[in-house]
């Protein structure tokens, strides 16, 4: 068992929209990511996805509404629900999702990351 310092881990990379795996438990991965601007509309057919804002702010867009998240707030996006994260510059998040979760679901774009790395 080893403790994990989120700020130290966030200091190891600069790229945005490229989640880094920092832990795993019971078939789930714990990830951190730096975000800036619009992502892509996508859904995860079989996986729920948790977003916890560590720094900055995030708007999660849905077909019928937008949900704004500030530091310390979290949102769980249910499986199958199409969503698009939009982040203020300097935003970082902690993600909790099953290992099987594809970065952009079935959508393939320039933002898609196929091999998320451990840091």
Protein backbone atom coordinates (compact mmCIF):
# COMPACT_ATOMS: atom_id res chain seq x y z
CA UNK A 1 0.00 0.00 0.00
CA UNK A 2 1.31 3.36 -1.02
CA UNK A 3 -0.30 6.75 -0.62
CA UNK A 4 -0.96 8.85 -3.70
CA UNK A 5 -0.53 12.62 -3.76
CA UNK A 6 -2.90 14.02 -6.41
CA UNK A 7 -1.05 17.34 -6.80
CA UNK A 8 2.27 15.54 -7.27
CA UNK A 9 0.72 13.26 -9.92
CA UNK A 10 -0.88 16.23 -11.71
CA UNK A 11 2.58 17.83 -11.87
CA UNK A 12 3.91 14.93 -13.95
CA UNK A 13 2.15 15.88 -17.19
CA UNK A 14 0.81 18.87 -19.11
CA UNK A 15 -1.32 17.43 -21.92
CA UNK A 16 -5.07 17.83 -21.72
CA UNK A 17 -7.84 15.28 -22.29
CA UNK A 18 -5.43 12.37 -21.73
CA UNK A 19 -6.44 10.60 -18.51
CA UNK A 20 -3.66 8.99 -16.48
CA UNK A 21 -4.34 5.94 -14.33
CA UNK A 22 -3.26 6.41 -10.70
CA UNK A 23 -4.96 3.41 -9.09
CA UNK A 24 -7.20 0.40 -9.59
CA UNK A 25 -9.62 -1.55 -7.42
CA UNK A 26 -12.32 -4.13 -8.01
CA UNK A 27 -12.21 -3.77 -11.80
CA UNK A 28 -12.34 0.02 -11.60
CA UNK A 29 -9.65 2.55 -12.51
CA UNK A 30 -8.96 5.81 -10.73
CA UNK A 31 -7.66 8.42 -13.16
CA UNK A 32 -6.68 12.06 -13.20
CA UNK A 33 -6.84 14.37 -16.19
CA UNK A 34 -6.21 17.97 -17.10
CA UNK A 35 -8.97 19.50 -19.20
CA UNK A 36 -9.32 22.66 -21.28
CA UNK A 37 -12.13 23.60 -23.65
CA UNK A 38 -14.65 21.34 -25.35
CA UNK A 39 -14.32 17.57 -25.52
CA UNK A 40 -16.54 15.48 -27.87
CA UNK A 41 -20.12 14.30 -27.57
CA UNK A 42 -20.00 10.63 -26.59
CA UNK A 43 -21.55 7.93 -24.41
CA UNK A 44 -20.35 4.79 -22.68
CA UNK A 45 -22.91 2.06 -23.38
CA UNK A 46 -22.00 -0.20 -20.47
CA UNK A 47 -20.16 1.96 -17.95
CA UNK A 48 -21.04 4.71 -15.48
CA UNK A 49 -18.42 7.46 -15.15
CA UNK A 50 -17.63 9.63 -12.11
CA UNK A 51 -16.10 13.12 -12.44
CA UNK A 52 -14.74 14.95 -9.36
CA UNK A 53 -13.39 18.47 -10.00
CA UNK A 54 -10.01 19.03 -8.32
CA UNK A 55 -9.17 22.42 -9.87
CA UNK A 56 -11.06 24.85 -12.10
CA UNK A 57 -14.61 24.21 -13.25
CA UNK A 58 -16.40 21.89 -15.62
CA UNK A 59 -19.72 22.06 -17.44
CA UNK A 60 -21.17 18.68 -18.34
CA UNK A 61 -23.48 19.12 -21.31
CA UNK A 62 -26.39 16.75 -21.85
CA UNK A 63 -29.05 16.81 -24.57
CA UNK A 64 -31.57 18.39 -22.20
CA UNK A 65 -29.44 20.45 -19.79
CA UNK A 66 -26.02 21.57 -18.59
CA UNK A 67 -24.58 20.84 -15.13
CA UNK A 68 -21.78 23.10 -13.84
CA UNK A 69 -19.27 21.61 -11.41
CA UNK A 70 -16.90 23.58 -9.20
CA UNK A 71 -13.93 22.40 -7.09
CA UNK A 72 -15.00 19.64 -4.72
CA UNK A 73 -18.17 18.78 -6.66
CA UNK A 74 -18.76 15.53 -8.49
CA UNK A 75 -21.17 14.07 -10.99
CA UNK A 76 -21.88 10.51 -12.05
CA UNK A 77 -22.82 10.15 -15.70
CA UNK A 78 -24.96 7.01 -16.06
CA UNK A 79 -24.13 4.45 -18.71
CA UNK A 80 -25.63 5.13 -22.11
CA UNK A 81 -26.13 8.87 -21.52
CA UNK A 82 -24.58 11.07 -24.20
CA UNK A 83 -22.52 13.88 -22.70
CA UNK A 84 -19.85 16.44 -23.54
CA UNK A 85 -17.49 17.90 -20.93
CA UNK A 86 -16.49 21.55 -21.37
CA UNK A 87 -13.72 22.77 -19.08
CA UNK A 88 -12.36 26.14 -18.08
CA UNK A 89 -8.60 26.53 -18.61
CA UNK A 90 -6.63 24.95 -15.75
CA UNK A 91 -9.27 22.39 -14.84
CA UNK A 92 -8.26 19.00 -13.45
CA UNK A 93 -10.49 16.11 -12.49
CA UNK A 94 -10.41 12.73 -10.83
CA UNK A 95 -12.26 10.03 -12.79
CA UNK A 96 -13.54 6.72 -11.50
CA UNK A 97 -14.70 4.22 -14.10
CA UNK A 98 -14.52 0.53 -15.05
CA UNK A 99 -11.32 -0.67 -16.72
CA UNK A 100 -13.34 -1.41 -19.86
CA UNK A 101 -14.32 2.24 -20.38
CA UNK A 102 -13.21 3.51 -23.78
CA UNK A 103 -12.03 7.13 -23.64
CA UNK A 104 -14.62 8.45 -26.10
CA UNK A 105 -17.01 5.50 -26.18
CA UNK A 106 -17.63 4.47 -29.79
CA UNK A 107 -16.79 7.95 -31.08
CA UNK A 108 -13.34 8.21 -32.63
CA UNK A 109 -11.83 11.68 -32.93
CA UNK A 110 -8.52 13.49 -32.63
CA UNK A 111 -9.13 13.52 -28.85
CA UNK A 112 -9.46 9.72 -28.55
CA UNK A 113 -6.75 8.11 -26.38
CA UNK A 114 -6.52 4.36 -26.87
CA UNK A 115 -3.79 3.50 -24.38
CA UNK A 116 -4.24 5.34 -21.11
CA UNK A 117 -1.03 5.16 -19.11
CA UNK A 118 -0.22 4.61 -15.46
CA UNK A 119 1.70 7.39 -13.76
